Amino acid sequence: MLKIQAHIIFKGRVQGVGFRFTVQRIALNLGITGWIKNFANGDVEVIAEADREIVDIFLNKIRDYFKRYIIDEEINTTETAGEFSDFEIRF
């Protein structure tokens, strides 16, 4: 399987709704490594590393859970360097 690194920016009402903690829980349950961080402009940035299929499941779970809050998202994927060992919330 091909491991990828996905860089995602979620836009909408994605702060103040438990977004980071829920995304972290989903990531840990799926074995995804990386991090999540709020931007000052209200967006949320995510770096997720895993097999492409797992990242797709991860994104679909986030979209389903926060469908009322996510307005848009930007996703860029690259091959992963495997630089993370867990999934953390960054401040």
Protein backbone atom coordinates (compact mmCIF):
# COMPACT_ATOMS: atom_id res chain seq x y z
CA MET A 1 0.00 0.00 0.00
CA LEU A 2 1.11 3.54 -0.74
CA LYS A 3 1.66 5.73 2.32
CA ILE A 4 0.89 9.38 1.74
CA GLN A 5 1.00 12.64 3.61
CA ALA A 6 -2.15 14.72 3.24
CA HIS A 7 -2.05 18.43 4.01
CA ILE A 8 -5.62 19.62 4.60
CA ILE A 9 -7.07 23.04 5.37
CA PHE A 10 -10.66 22.90 6.63
CA LYS A 11 -12.72 26.08 6.30
CA GLY A 12 -16.03 26.99 7.87
CA ARG A 13 -17.15 26.95 11.48
CA VAL A 14 -14.45 24.49 12.48
CA GLN A 15 -13.24 26.14 15.67
CA GLY A 16 -15.10 26.05 18.96
CA VAL A 17 -16.99 22.85 18.08
CA GLY A 18 -14.53 20.21 19.37
CA PHE A 19 -13.04 19.80 15.90
CA ARG A 20 -9.39 19.25 16.92
CA PHE A 21 -10.15 16.76 19.67
CA THR A 22 -12.59 14.79 17.53
CA VAL A 23 -10.18 14.70 14.58
CA GLN A 24 -7.41 13.54 16.90
CA ARG A 25 -9.61 10.73 18.22
CA ILE A 26 -10.52 9.62 14.68
CA ALA A 27 -6.85 9.72 13.64
CA LEU A 28 -5.69 7.69 16.63
CA ASN A 29 -8.43 5.09 16.07
CA LEU A 30 -7.29 4.67 12.45
CA GLY A 31 -3.55 4.65 13.23
CA ILE A 32 -2.90 7.94 11.43
CA THR A 33 0.09 10.04 12.43
CA GLY A 34 0.53 13.80 12.08
CA TRP A 35 -1.01 16.83 13.73
CA ILE A 36 -3.86 19.36 13.77
CA LYS A 37 -3.70 23.08 14.47
CA ASN A 38 -6.05 26.10 14.51
CA PHE A 39 -5.28 29.14 12.38
CA ALA A 40 -6.00 32.65 13.64
CA ASN A 41 -8.36 33.20 10.65
CA GLY A 42 -10.71 30.39 11.82
CA ASP A 43 -9.41 27.64 9.53
CA VAL A 44 -7.91 24.38 10.80
CA GLU A 45 -4.79 22.75 9.34
CA VAL A 46 -4.20 18.99 9.40
CA ILE A 47 -1.21 16.89 8.40
CA ALA A 48 -2.12 13.19 8.18
CA GLU A 49 0.16 10.29 7.24
CA ALA A 50 -1.10 6.78 6.49
CA ASP A 51 -2.01 4.49 3.61
CA ARG A 52 -4.05 6.34 1.00
CA GLU A 53 -7.14 4.21 1.75
CA ILE A 54 -6.90 4.99 5.47
CA VAL A 55 -6.53 8.73 4.79
CA ASP A 56 -9.65 8.55 2.60
CA ILE A 57 -11.59 6.87 5.44
CA PHE A 58 -10.25 9.51 7.85
CA LEU A 59 -11.42 12.38 5.64
CA ASN A 60 -14.84 10.81 5.09
CA LYS A 61 -15.34 10.35 8.85
CA ILE A 62 -14.41 14.01 9.47
CA ARG A 63 -16.71 15.21 6.67
CA ASP A 64 -19.59 13.09 7.96
CA TYR A 65 -19.17 14.15 11.60
CA PHE A 66 -18.76 17.87 10.83
CA LYS A 67 -20.91 18.16 7.70
CA ARG A 68 -22.81 21.12 9.20
CA TYR A 69 -19.59 22.99 9.96
CA ILE A 70 -17.18 22.39 7.05
CA ILE A 71 -17.78 24.79 4.17
CA ASP A 72 -14.68 24.01 2.11
CA GLU A 73 -11.39 22.15 2.24
CA GLU A 74 -8.06 22.25 0.44
CA ILE A 75 -6.15 18.97 0.14
CA ASN A 76 -2.65 18.36 -1.16
CA THR A 77 -1.02 14.94 -1.01
CA THR A 78 2.59 13.85 -1.36
CA GLU A 79 4.60 10.76 -0.60
CA THR A 80 5.28 10.53 3.10
CA ALA A 81 8.63 10.72 4.80
CA GLY A 82 7.21 8.94 7.85
CA GLU A 83 8.27 11.75 10.14
CA PHE A 84 5.53 11.38 12.80
CA SER A 85 4.99 8.72 15.45
CA ASP A 86 1.61 9.89 16.80
CA PHE A 87 -1.17 12.38 16.09
CA GLU A 88 -1.03 15.52 18.20
CA ILE A 89 -2.85 18.77 18.68
CA ARG A 90 -0.52 21.70 18.11
CA PHE A 91 -1.05 25.13 19.62
